[in-house]
N, C-alpha and C. Protein backbone atom coordinates (compact mmCIF):
# COMPACT_ATOMS: atom_id res chain seq x y z
N MET A 1 29.81 26.07 -11.60
CA MET A 1 29.58 24.98 -12.51
C MET A 1 28.62 23.97 -11.87
N ALA A 2 27.56 23.65 -12.56
CA ALA A 2 26.54 22.76 -12.01
C ALA A 2 26.94 21.31 -12.23
N LYS A 3 26.62 20.47 -11.24
CA LYS A 3 26.86 19.04 -11.38
C LYS A 3 25.80 18.46 -12.29
N THR A 4 26.19 17.57 -13.17
CA THR A 4 25.22 16.88 -14.02
C THR A 4 25.25 15.40 -13.71
N ASN A 5 24.13 14.77 -13.88
CA ASN A 5 24.03 13.34 -13.64
C ASN A 5 23.80 12.68 -14.98
N ASN A 6 24.70 11.83 -15.39
CA ASN A 6 24.59 11.18 -16.67
C ASN A 6 23.74 9.92 -16.61
N VAL A 7 23.34 9.46 -15.45
CA VAL A 7 22.54 8.26 -15.32
C VAL A 7 21.10 8.59 -15.67
N THR A 8 20.57 7.91 -16.68
CA THR A 8 19.15 8.15 -17.06
C THR A 8 18.30 6.91 -16.82
N GLU A 9 18.91 5.74 -16.79
CA GLU A 9 18.16 4.52 -16.51
C GLU A 9 19.04 3.52 -15.80
N LEU A 10 18.38 2.64 -15.07
CA LEU A 10 19.08 1.63 -14.31
C LEU A 10 18.76 0.25 -14.90
N ILE A 11 19.72 -0.62 -14.94
CA ILE A 11 19.54 -1.98 -15.42
C ILE A 11 19.40 -2.87 -14.17
N ILE A 12 18.28 -3.59 -14.10
CA ILE A 12 18.02 -4.44 -12.96
C ILE A 12 18.59 -5.81 -13.21
N THR A 13 19.50 -6.22 -12.36
CA THR A 13 20.12 -7.55 -12.48
C THR A 13 19.85 -8.34 -11.24
N GLY A 14 20.07 -9.63 -11.33
CA GLY A 14 19.98 -10.46 -10.15
C GLY A 14 18.61 -11.02 -9.83
N LEU A 15 17.61 -10.74 -10.69
CA LEU A 15 16.31 -11.30 -10.41
C LEU A 15 16.35 -12.78 -10.70
N PHE A 16 16.04 -13.15 -11.91
CA PHE A 16 16.11 -14.53 -12.35
C PHE A 16 16.72 -14.55 -13.77
N GLN A 17 17.71 -15.33 -13.98
CA GLN A 17 18.36 -15.36 -15.26
C GLN A 17 17.75 -16.37 -16.22
N ASP A 18 17.19 -17.43 -15.70
CA ASP A 18 16.62 -18.49 -16.53
C ASP A 18 15.22 -18.09 -16.98
N PRO A 19 14.97 -18.06 -18.31
CA PRO A 19 13.63 -17.67 -18.83
C PRO A 19 12.51 -18.60 -18.33
N LYS A 20 12.81 -19.86 -18.12
CA LYS A 20 11.76 -20.78 -17.66
C LYS A 20 11.35 -20.42 -16.22
N VAL A 21 12.33 -20.09 -15.40
CA VAL A 21 12.02 -19.68 -14.01
C VAL A 21 11.25 -18.38 -14.01
N GLN A 22 11.57 -17.48 -14.93
CA GLN A 22 10.85 -16.20 -15.03
C GLN A 22 9.39 -16.44 -15.38
N LYS A 23 9.13 -17.36 -16.29
CA LYS A 23 7.74 -17.64 -16.69
C LYS A 23 6.96 -18.27 -15.55
N VAL A 24 7.62 -19.18 -14.81
CA VAL A 24 6.95 -19.80 -13.66
C VAL A 24 6.65 -18.73 -12.61
N CYS A 25 7.58 -17.85 -12.35
CA CYS A 25 7.35 -16.77 -11.37
C CYS A 25 6.25 -15.85 -11.84
N PHE A 26 6.20 -15.56 -13.15
CA PHE A 26 5.11 -14.73 -13.69
C PHE A 26 3.76 -15.39 -13.42
N VAL A 27 3.69 -16.68 -13.69
CA VAL A 27 2.42 -17.42 -13.48
C VAL A 27 2.05 -17.46 -11.99
N LEU A 28 3.03 -17.45 -11.10
CA LEU A 28 2.75 -17.47 -9.66
C LEU A 28 2.41 -16.07 -9.13
N PHE A 29 3.17 -15.05 -9.50
CA PHE A 29 3.01 -13.74 -8.91
C PHE A 29 1.82 -12.97 -9.45
N LEU A 30 1.48 -13.12 -10.73
CA LEU A 30 0.36 -12.38 -11.29
C LEU A 30 -0.99 -12.70 -10.60
N PRO A 31 -1.34 -13.97 -10.41
CA PRO A 31 -2.59 -14.26 -9.69
C PRO A 31 -2.58 -13.77 -8.23
N VAL A 32 -1.46 -13.86 -7.59
CA VAL A 32 -1.37 -13.38 -6.19
C VAL A 32 -1.58 -11.88 -6.13
N TYR A 33 -0.96 -11.15 -7.06
CA TYR A 33 -1.12 -9.70 -7.13
C TYR A 33 -2.57 -9.33 -7.43
N LEU A 34 -3.16 -10.01 -8.42
CA LEU A 34 -4.54 -9.71 -8.78
C LEU A 34 -5.50 -10.05 -7.63
N ALA A 35 -5.27 -11.15 -6.93
CA ALA A 35 -6.10 -11.50 -5.77
C ALA A 35 -5.97 -10.45 -4.68
N THR A 36 -4.76 -9.93 -4.46
CA THR A 36 -4.58 -8.89 -3.46
C THR A 36 -5.33 -7.64 -3.80
N VAL A 37 -5.22 -7.19 -5.06
CA VAL A 37 -5.92 -5.98 -5.47
C VAL A 37 -7.45 -6.18 -5.45
N LEU A 38 -7.91 -7.30 -5.98
CA LEU A 38 -9.34 -7.54 -6.02
C LEU A 38 -9.92 -7.75 -4.61
N GLY A 39 -9.23 -8.50 -3.77
CA GLY A 39 -9.73 -8.73 -2.42
C GLY A 39 -9.79 -7.48 -1.60
N ASN A 40 -8.73 -6.65 -1.63
CA ASN A 40 -8.72 -5.41 -0.91
C ASN A 40 -9.73 -4.41 -1.50
N GLY A 41 -9.86 -4.43 -2.82
CA GLY A 41 -10.86 -3.56 -3.46
C GLY A 41 -12.27 -3.94 -3.06
N LEU A 42 -12.51 -5.23 -2.92
CA LEU A 42 -13.82 -5.71 -2.47
C LEU A 42 -14.10 -5.22 -1.04
N ILE A 43 -13.12 -5.22 -0.19
CA ILE A 43 -13.27 -4.74 1.17
C ILE A 43 -13.59 -3.26 1.16
N VAL A 44 -12.87 -2.47 0.37
CA VAL A 44 -13.12 -1.02 0.32
C VAL A 44 -14.54 -0.74 -0.19
N VAL A 45 -14.95 -1.43 -1.26
CA VAL A 45 -16.28 -1.18 -1.82
C VAL A 45 -17.36 -1.62 -0.83
N THR A 46 -17.17 -2.77 -0.20
CA THR A 46 -18.20 -3.29 0.73
C THR A 46 -18.36 -2.33 1.93
N VAL A 47 -17.28 -1.85 2.48
CA VAL A 47 -17.39 -0.96 3.65
C VAL A 47 -18.02 0.36 3.23
N ASN A 48 -17.68 0.88 2.05
CA ASN A 48 -18.22 2.17 1.63
C ASN A 48 -19.68 2.08 1.21
N ILE A 49 -20.12 0.93 0.72
CA ILE A 49 -21.51 0.80 0.27
C ILE A 49 -22.44 0.46 1.45
N SER A 50 -22.01 -0.40 2.32
CA SER A 50 -22.87 -0.88 3.43
C SER A 50 -23.07 0.20 4.50
N LYS A 51 -24.30 0.40 4.86
CA LYS A 51 -24.61 1.38 5.90
C LYS A 51 -24.40 0.79 7.30
N THR A 52 -24.37 -0.53 7.40
CA THR A 52 -24.17 -1.16 8.71
C THR A 52 -22.69 -1.24 9.11
N LEU A 53 -21.80 -0.98 8.17
CA LEU A 53 -20.34 -1.04 8.45
C LEU A 53 -19.76 0.36 8.57
N ARG A 54 -20.37 1.18 9.38
CA ARG A 54 -19.91 2.56 9.55
C ARG A 54 -19.15 2.78 10.86
N SER A 55 -18.86 1.69 11.57
CA SER A 55 -18.12 1.85 12.82
C SER A 55 -16.65 2.17 12.53
N PRO A 56 -15.96 2.77 13.49
CA PRO A 56 -14.57 3.14 13.26
C PRO A 56 -13.68 1.98 12.83
N MET A 57 -13.92 0.79 13.38
CA MET A 57 -13.08 -0.35 13.02
C MET A 57 -13.13 -0.64 11.51
N TYR A 58 -14.33 -0.56 10.93
CA TYR A 58 -14.44 -0.81 9.52
C TYR A 58 -13.93 0.33 8.67
N ILE A 59 -14.01 1.54 9.17
CA ILE A 59 -13.41 2.67 8.45
C ILE A 59 -11.92 2.49 8.37
N PHE A 60 -11.29 2.07 9.49
CA PHE A 60 -9.87 1.84 9.50
C PHE A 60 -9.49 0.63 8.61
N LEU A 61 -10.31 -0.40 8.65
CA LEU A 61 -10.04 -1.58 7.81
C LEU A 61 -10.11 -1.23 6.34
N SER A 62 -11.11 -0.41 5.95
CA SER A 62 -11.20 0.03 4.57
C SER A 62 -10.00 0.89 4.17
N SER A 63 -9.56 1.76 5.04
CA SER A 63 -8.38 2.57 4.76
C SER A 63 -7.14 1.73 4.66
N LEU A 64 -7.02 0.72 5.51
CA LEU A 64 -5.87 -0.18 5.44
C LEU A 64 -5.87 -0.94 4.13
N SER A 65 -7.02 -1.37 3.66
CA SER A 65 -7.11 -2.07 2.40
C SER A 65 -6.73 -1.16 1.23
N LEU A 66 -7.15 0.09 1.29
CA LEU A 66 -6.79 1.05 0.25
C LEU A 66 -5.27 1.29 0.23
N VAL A 67 -4.69 1.45 1.41
CA VAL A 67 -3.24 1.63 1.48
C VAL A 67 -2.52 0.41 0.93
N GLU A 68 -3.06 -0.78 1.24
CA GLU A 68 -2.43 -2.03 0.76
C GLU A 68 -2.51 -2.13 -0.75
N ILE A 69 -3.62 -1.72 -1.34
CA ILE A 69 -3.71 -1.73 -2.81
C ILE A 69 -2.65 -0.83 -3.41
N CYS A 70 -2.53 0.36 -2.87
CA CYS A 70 -1.54 1.32 -3.39
C CYS A 70 -0.11 0.83 -3.13
N TYR A 71 0.10 0.28 -1.93
CA TYR A 71 1.44 -0.18 -1.56
C TYR A 71 1.93 -1.31 -2.44
N SER A 72 1.04 -2.29 -2.69
CA SER A 72 1.45 -3.41 -3.52
C SER A 72 1.53 -3.02 -4.99
N SER A 73 0.92 -1.90 -5.36
CA SER A 73 0.95 -1.47 -6.76
C SER A 73 2.14 -0.56 -7.08
N THR A 74 3.00 -0.32 -6.12
CA THR A 74 4.15 0.54 -6.40
C THR A 74 5.28 -0.23 -7.10
N VAL A 75 5.51 -1.46 -6.67
CA VAL A 75 6.66 -2.21 -7.18
C VAL A 75 6.24 -3.45 -7.96
N VAL A 76 5.20 -4.13 -7.55
CA VAL A 76 4.84 -5.42 -8.12
C VAL A 76 4.53 -5.37 -9.61
N PRO A 77 3.78 -4.40 -10.14
CA PRO A 77 3.52 -4.42 -11.58
C PRO A 77 4.82 -4.32 -12.42
N LYS A 78 5.75 -3.53 -11.99
CA LYS A 78 7.05 -3.44 -12.71
C LYS A 78 7.79 -4.75 -12.62
N PHE A 79 7.78 -5.37 -11.45
CA PHE A 79 8.42 -6.67 -11.27
C PHE A 79 7.79 -7.72 -12.18
N ILE A 80 6.47 -7.73 -12.25
CA ILE A 80 5.78 -8.74 -13.06
C ILE A 80 6.09 -8.52 -14.54
N THR A 81 6.07 -7.27 -14.99
CA THR A 81 6.39 -7.02 -16.40
C THR A 81 7.85 -7.32 -16.72
N ASP A 82 8.73 -7.10 -15.75
CA ASP A 82 10.15 -7.42 -15.99
C ASP A 82 10.39 -8.93 -16.09
N LEU A 83 9.48 -9.73 -15.60
CA LEU A 83 9.62 -11.18 -15.75
C LEU A 83 9.40 -11.61 -17.19
N LEU A 84 8.80 -10.75 -17.99
CA LEU A 84 8.49 -11.10 -19.39
C LEU A 84 9.50 -10.55 -20.40
N VAL A 85 10.33 -9.60 -19.98
CA VAL A 85 11.26 -8.98 -20.92
C VAL A 85 12.67 -9.48 -20.67
N LYS A 86 13.47 -9.36 -21.71
CA LYS A 86 14.87 -9.87 -21.61
C LYS A 86 15.75 -8.86 -20.88
N ILE A 87 15.69 -7.59 -21.27
CA ILE A 87 16.51 -6.55 -20.62
C ILE A 87 15.61 -5.80 -19.67
N LYS A 88 15.95 -5.82 -18.38
CA LYS A 88 15.13 -5.19 -17.35
C LYS A 88 15.72 -3.85 -16.96
N THR A 89 15.04 -2.79 -17.40
CA THR A 89 15.51 -1.44 -17.10
C THR A 89 14.41 -0.62 -16.44
N ILE A 90 14.82 0.41 -15.76
CA ILE A 90 13.89 1.37 -15.16
C ILE A 90 14.57 2.72 -15.23
N SER A 91 13.80 3.77 -15.55
CA SER A 91 14.37 5.09 -15.61
C SER A 91 14.73 5.54 -14.20
N LEU A 92 15.66 6.47 -14.11
CA LEU A 92 16.06 6.98 -12.79
C LEU A 92 14.89 7.65 -12.10
N LYS A 93 14.10 8.43 -12.85
CA LYS A 93 12.94 9.07 -12.23
C LYS A 93 11.89 8.05 -11.82
N GLY A 94 11.71 7.00 -12.60
CA GLY A 94 10.78 5.93 -12.22
C GLY A 94 11.23 5.22 -10.97
N CYS A 95 12.54 4.98 -10.85
CA CYS A 95 13.07 4.35 -9.67
C CYS A 95 12.88 5.22 -8.43
N LEU A 96 13.17 6.50 -8.58
CA LEU A 96 12.97 7.41 -7.45
C LEU A 96 11.50 7.53 -7.07
N ALA A 97 10.63 7.52 -8.05
CA ALA A 97 9.17 7.57 -7.74
C ALA A 97 8.75 6.31 -7.01
N GLN A 98 9.25 5.14 -7.44
CA GLN A 98 8.96 3.89 -6.73
C GLN A 98 9.40 3.94 -5.31
N ILE A 99 10.60 4.39 -5.07
CA ILE A 99 11.18 4.47 -3.72
C ILE A 99 10.34 5.42 -2.86
N PHE A 100 9.98 6.58 -3.44
CA PHE A 100 9.19 7.57 -2.68
C PHE A 100 7.85 6.99 -2.28
N PHE A 101 7.09 6.43 -3.21
CA PHE A 101 5.79 5.90 -2.90
C PHE A 101 5.84 4.66 -2.03
N PHE A 102 6.89 3.84 -2.19
CA PHE A 102 7.07 2.66 -1.37
C PHE A 102 7.22 3.07 0.11
N HIS A 103 8.04 4.09 0.36
CA HIS A 103 8.23 4.56 1.73
C HIS A 103 7.01 5.31 2.26
N LEU A 104 6.40 6.17 1.43
CA LEU A 104 5.22 6.89 1.85
C LEU A 104 4.14 5.94 2.28
N LEU A 105 3.83 4.95 1.45
CA LEU A 105 2.74 4.03 1.76
C LEU A 105 3.10 3.06 2.86
N GLY A 106 4.39 2.70 2.94
CA GLY A 106 4.82 1.79 4.05
C GLY A 106 4.65 2.48 5.40
N VAL A 107 5.05 3.74 5.51
CA VAL A 107 4.90 4.47 6.76
C VAL A 107 3.42 4.72 7.06
N ALA A 108 2.64 5.05 6.03
CA ALA A 108 1.21 5.28 6.23
C ALA A 108 0.52 4.00 6.71
N GLU A 109 0.94 2.88 6.22
CA GLU A 109 0.36 1.59 6.65
C GLU A 109 0.72 1.31 8.13
N ILE A 110 1.95 1.56 8.48
CA ILE A 110 2.37 1.35 9.88
C ILE A 110 1.59 2.29 10.82
N LEU A 111 1.46 3.55 10.42
CA LEU A 111 0.73 4.49 11.26
C LEU A 111 -0.76 4.15 11.33
N LEU A 112 -1.31 3.63 10.25
CA LEU A 112 -2.69 3.19 10.30
C LEU A 112 -2.88 2.00 11.22
N LEU A 113 -1.92 1.11 11.26
CA LEU A 113 -1.98 -0.02 12.20
C LEU A 113 -1.89 0.47 13.65
N VAL A 114 -1.11 1.51 13.88
CA VAL A 114 -1.03 2.12 15.21
C VAL A 114 -2.39 2.73 15.57
N VAL A 115 -3.02 3.40 14.61
CA VAL A 115 -4.34 4.00 14.86
C VAL A 115 -5.36 2.89 15.16
N MET A 116 -5.29 1.77 14.43
CA MET A 116 -6.21 0.66 14.68
C MET A 116 -5.97 0.06 16.08
N ALA A 117 -4.72 0.00 16.48
CA ALA A 117 -4.42 -0.52 17.84
C ALA A 117 -5.02 0.44 18.89
N TYR A 118 -4.89 1.75 18.64
CA TYR A 118 -5.45 2.69 19.59
C TYR A 118 -6.98 2.57 19.62
N ASP A 119 -7.60 2.37 18.50
CA ASP A 119 -9.06 2.18 18.43
C ASP A 119 -9.46 0.96 19.27
N ARG A 120 -8.76 -0.13 19.15
CA ARG A 120 -9.10 -1.34 19.93
C ARG A 120 -8.84 -1.11 21.40
N TYR A 121 -7.77 -0.33 21.75
CA TYR A 121 -7.49 0.01 23.15
C TYR A 121 -8.66 0.79 23.75
N VAL A 122 -9.13 1.78 23.03
CA VAL A 122 -10.26 2.59 23.53
C VAL A 122 -11.51 1.73 23.65
N ALA A 123 -11.75 0.85 22.68
CA ALA A 123 -12.94 -0.01 22.73
C ALA A 123 -12.92 -0.96 23.91
N ILE A 124 -11.72 -1.44 24.28
CA ILE A 124 -11.63 -2.40 25.37
C ILE A 124 -11.56 -1.71 26.73
N CYS A 125 -10.74 -0.66 26.83
CA CYS A 125 -10.48 -0.04 28.13
C CYS A 125 -11.51 1.02 28.52
N LYS A 126 -12.16 1.65 27.55
CA LYS A 126 -13.14 2.70 27.83
C LYS A 126 -14.39 2.47 27.00
N PRO A 127 -15.06 1.33 27.21
CA PRO A 127 -16.21 1.01 26.36
C PRO A 127 -17.38 1.98 26.44
N LEU A 128 -17.60 2.60 27.61
CA LEU A 128 -18.71 3.51 27.74
C LEU A 128 -18.45 4.86 27.09
N HIS A 129 -17.19 5.21 26.92
CA HIS A 129 -16.81 6.51 26.30
C HIS A 129 -16.34 6.34 24.85
N TYR A 130 -16.45 5.11 24.35
CA TYR A 130 -15.89 4.80 23.01
C TYR A 130 -16.47 5.69 21.92
N MET A 131 -17.78 5.82 21.86
CA MET A 131 -18.39 6.59 20.77
C MET A 131 -18.10 8.09 20.90
N ASN A 132 -17.85 8.56 22.11
CA ASN A 132 -17.48 9.98 22.27
C ASN A 132 -16.03 10.20 21.84
N ILE A 133 -15.16 9.27 22.18
CA ILE A 133 -13.73 9.38 21.87
C ILE A 133 -13.48 9.16 20.38
N MET A 134 -14.08 8.10 19.83
CA MET A 134 -13.85 7.72 18.43
C MET A 134 -15.02 8.12 17.55
N SER A 135 -15.29 9.39 17.45
CA SER A 135 -16.36 9.86 16.57
C SER A 135 -15.90 9.71 15.11
N HIS A 136 -16.83 9.88 14.18
CA HIS A 136 -16.48 9.75 12.75
C HIS A 136 -15.48 10.82 12.33
N GLN A 137 -15.62 12.01 12.88
CA GLN A 137 -14.69 13.09 12.56
C GLN A 137 -13.27 12.72 13.05
N VAL A 138 -13.17 12.20 14.26
CA VAL A 138 -11.86 11.79 14.80
C VAL A 138 -11.27 10.67 13.94
N CYS A 139 -12.10 9.71 13.54
CA CYS A 139 -11.63 8.58 12.72
C CYS A 139 -11.03 9.10 11.42
N HIS A 140 -11.77 9.99 10.77
CA HIS A 140 -11.27 10.51 9.49
C HIS A 140 -10.00 11.37 9.67
N MET A 141 -9.92 12.05 10.81
CA MET A 141 -8.70 12.81 11.08
C MET A 141 -7.51 11.89 11.34
N LEU A 142 -7.75 10.78 12.04
CA LEU A 142 -6.68 9.81 12.29
C LEU A 142 -6.20 9.15 10.98
N VAL A 143 -7.13 8.84 10.10
CA VAL A 143 -6.75 8.26 8.79
C VAL A 143 -5.96 9.29 8.01
N ALA A 144 -6.43 10.52 7.95
CA ALA A 144 -5.71 11.57 7.23
C ALA A 144 -4.33 11.80 7.87
N GLY A 145 -4.26 11.69 9.19
CA GLY A 145 -3.00 11.87 9.87
C GLY A 145 -2.01 10.76 9.53
N SER A 146 -2.51 9.56 9.33
CA SER A 146 -1.60 8.48 8.96
C SER A 146 -1.07 8.69 7.53
N TRP A 147 -1.90 9.20 6.64
CA TRP A 147 -1.42 9.51 5.27
C TRP A 147 -0.43 10.66 5.32
N LEU A 148 -0.75 11.70 6.12
CA LEU A 148 0.16 12.82 6.23
C LEU A 148 1.48 12.43 6.88
N GLY A 149 1.40 11.54 7.86
CA GLY A 149 2.65 11.05 8.50
C GLY A 149 3.50 10.29 7.50
N GLY A 150 2.89 9.56 6.62
CA GLY A 150 3.64 8.87 5.56
C GLY A 150 4.29 9.86 4.61
N LEU A 151 3.56 10.92 4.32
CA LEU A 151 4.10 11.93 3.41
C LEU A 151 5.29 12.66 4.01
N ILE A 152 5.19 12.89 5.32
CA ILE A 152 6.31 13.58 6.02
C ILE A 152 7.53 12.66 6.08
């Protein structure tokens, strides 16, 4: 006999009960979220368009901005929309997807910060060998490795 799960959606409680507070929070959080997405998007576009920003540091910075856009977009849009509705629900599959992507992107961001720290270590401690150690191929492999590490 197979186990069945009767839970199809979750009701989110404990955010803010007062509608006035919800509207104030909506007015505060929406511009912050939009500024985060637009600012990080501008960094990604600038680094990818500019030919002078092809050093490993800027590649990692662009990747970090992309991870940050994705990371902040996993939970914040649902939170902002829930500030406008009376009954706050999320499907079980939606909740599990949020948790999965929140952890995937959180770990990828941490690993990318570790990669950036290693890049700065090599630049400071081995400046004459820096371009040999941190080639573009190695940079892209380290970025891919941080995404893969988040997936694992």
